[in-house]
Amino acid sequence: MEIAPTVIGGRSIRDGKDRSGPHLTFTGDAWQAFLLDVKSREFDR
């Protein structure tokens, strides 16, 4: 996984093994919300 900042303060994420494949782009606010959910274990099974 590779994470890179965008020019508007968000983040883009892609599979580092498939650089020509799809990517996800988050706004800054969405990225912060995602990080909070990860830290609070929102995605644990």
N, C-alpha and C. Protein backbone atom coordinates (compact mmCIF):
# COMPACT_ATOMS: atom_id res chain seq x y z
N MET A 1 0.84 -1.15 0.00
CA MET A 1 0.00 0.00 0.00
C MET A 1 0.90 1.23 0.00
N GLU A 2 0.56 2.18 -0.87
CA GLU A 2 1.26 3.46 -0.92
C GLU A 2 0.25 4.57 -0.66
N ILE A 3 0.63 5.52 0.16
CA ILE A 3 -0.23 6.65 0.49
C ILE A 3 0.53 7.92 0.14
N ALA A 4 -0.12 8.81 -0.60
CA ALA A 4 0.52 10.06 -1.01
C ALA A 4 -0.42 11.23 -0.78
N PRO A 5 0.14 12.37 -0.38
CA PRO A 5 -0.70 13.57 -0.20
C PRO A 5 -1.17 14.11 -1.55
N THR A 6 -2.35 14.71 -1.56
CA THR A 6 -2.84 15.37 -2.76
C THR A 6 -2.60 16.87 -2.63
N VAL A 7 -2.74 17.60 -3.71
CA VAL A 7 -2.49 19.04 -3.68
C VAL A 7 -3.53 19.79 -2.86
N ILE A 8 -4.70 19.18 -2.62
CA ILE A 8 -5.74 19.87 -1.85
C ILE A 8 -5.81 19.39 -0.40
N GLY A 9 -4.78 18.66 0.05
CA GLY A 9 -4.72 18.26 1.45
C GLY A 9 -5.30 16.91 1.77
N GLY A 10 -5.70 16.16 0.77
CA GLY A 10 -6.24 14.82 1.00
C GLY A 10 -5.15 13.77 0.87
N ARG A 11 -5.56 12.55 0.62
CA ARG A 11 -4.63 11.44 0.44
C ARG A 11 -5.12 10.53 -0.68
N SER A 12 -4.17 10.00 -1.44
CA SER A 12 -4.46 8.97 -2.44
C SER A 12 -3.77 7.69 -2.00
N ILE A 13 -4.46 6.57 -2.17
CA ILE A 13 -3.95 5.27 -1.75
C ILE A 13 -4.00 4.33 -2.95
N ARG A 14 -2.92 3.54 -3.10
CA ARG A 14 -2.91 2.54 -4.17
C ARG A 14 -2.08 1.34 -3.73
N ASP A 15 -2.25 0.25 -4.48
CA ASP A 15 -1.47 -0.96 -4.26
C ASP A 15 -0.08 -0.74 -4.85
N GLY A 16 0.94 -0.78 -4.04
CA GLY A 16 2.30 -0.54 -4.50
C GLY A 16 2.80 -1.59 -5.48
N LYS A 17 2.17 -2.76 -5.50
CA LYS A 17 2.57 -3.81 -6.43
C LYS A 17 1.91 -3.66 -7.79
N ASP A 18 0.86 -2.85 -7.87
CA ASP A 18 0.12 -2.64 -9.12
C ASP A 18 -0.05 -1.13 -9.34
N ARG A 19 1.02 -0.47 -9.66
CA ARG A 19 1.02 0.99 -9.76
C ARG A 19 0.12 1.53 -10.86
N SER A 20 -0.21 0.73 -11.84
CA SER A 20 -1.11 1.20 -12.90
C SER A 20 -2.57 0.89 -12.58
N GLY A 21 -2.81 0.25 -11.45
CA GLY A 21 -4.16 -0.12 -11.05
C GLY A 21 -4.93 1.05 -10.46
N PRO A 22 -6.13 0.78 -9.96
CA PRO A 22 -6.98 1.83 -9.40
C PRO A 22 -6.41 2.39 -8.09
N HIS A 23 -6.91 3.55 -7.72
CA HIS A 23 -6.52 4.16 -6.45
C HIS A 23 -7.75 4.78 -5.80
N LEU A 24 -7.66 4.98 -4.51
CA LEU A 24 -8.71 5.67 -3.75
C LEU A 24 -8.18 7.04 -3.37
N THR A 25 -9.03 8.04 -3.47
CA THR A 25 -8.64 9.39 -3.07
C THR A 25 -9.62 9.89 -2.02
N PHE A 26 -9.08 10.37 -0.91
CA PHE A 26 -9.87 10.90 0.19
C PHE A 26 -9.64 12.40 0.30
N THR A 27 -10.68 13.15 0.64
CA THR A 27 -10.49 14.55 1.01
C THR A 27 -9.78 14.57 2.36
N GLY A 28 -9.28 15.71 2.76
CA GLY A 28 -8.62 15.81 4.06
C GLY A 28 -9.54 15.41 5.20
N ASP A 29 -10.79 15.89 5.17
CA ASP A 29 -11.75 15.55 6.23
C ASP A 29 -12.08 14.06 6.23
N ALA A 30 -12.27 13.48 5.05
CA ALA A 30 -12.59 12.06 4.96
C ALA A 30 -11.40 11.22 5.43
N TRP A 31 -10.19 11.65 5.12
CA TRP A 31 -9.00 10.93 5.57
C TRP A 31 -8.91 10.94 7.09
N GLN A 32 -9.15 12.08 7.70
CA GLN A 32 -9.11 12.19 9.16
C GLN A 32 -10.18 11.29 9.80
N ALA A 33 -11.38 11.28 9.21
CA ALA A 33 -12.46 10.43 9.72
C ALA A 33 -12.08 8.95 9.59
N PHE A 34 -11.47 8.58 8.47
CA PHE A 34 -11.02 7.21 8.26
C PHE A 34 -9.99 6.81 9.32
N LEU A 35 -9.02 7.68 9.57
CA LEU A 35 -8.00 7.38 10.57
C LEU A 35 -8.61 7.21 11.96
N LEU A 36 -9.56 8.06 12.31
CA LEU A 36 -10.23 7.93 13.60
C LEU A 36 -10.96 6.60 13.72
N ASP A 37 -11.62 6.18 12.63
CA ASP A 37 -12.32 4.89 12.63
C ASP A 37 -11.34 3.73 12.79
N VAL A 38 -10.20 3.81 12.11
CA VAL A 38 -9.19 2.76 12.24
C VAL A 38 -8.68 2.70 13.68
N LYS A 39 -8.36 3.86 14.24
CA LYS A 39 -7.82 3.91 15.60
C LYS A 39 -8.83 3.44 16.64
N SER A 40 -10.12 3.64 16.37
CA SER A 40 -11.15 3.19 17.31
C SER A 40 -11.58 1.75 17.05
N ARG A 41 -10.88 1.09 16.12
CA ARG A 41 -11.11 -0.31 15.78
C ARG A 41 -12.48 -0.55 15.14
N GLU A 42 -12.98 0.46 14.46
CA GLU A 42 -14.28 0.38 13.79
C GLU A 42 -14.33 -0.76 12.77
N PHE A 43 -13.18 -1.10 12.20
CA PHE A 43 -13.16 -2.09 11.12
C PHE A 43 -12.73 -3.48 11.59
N ASP A 44 -12.50 -3.65 12.88
CA ASP A 44 -12.14 -4.97 13.39
C ASP A 44 -13.32 -5.93 13.22
N ARG A 45 -12.99 -7.16 12.97
CA ARG A 45 -14.05 -8.16 12.78
C ARG A 45 -14.33 -8.87 14.06
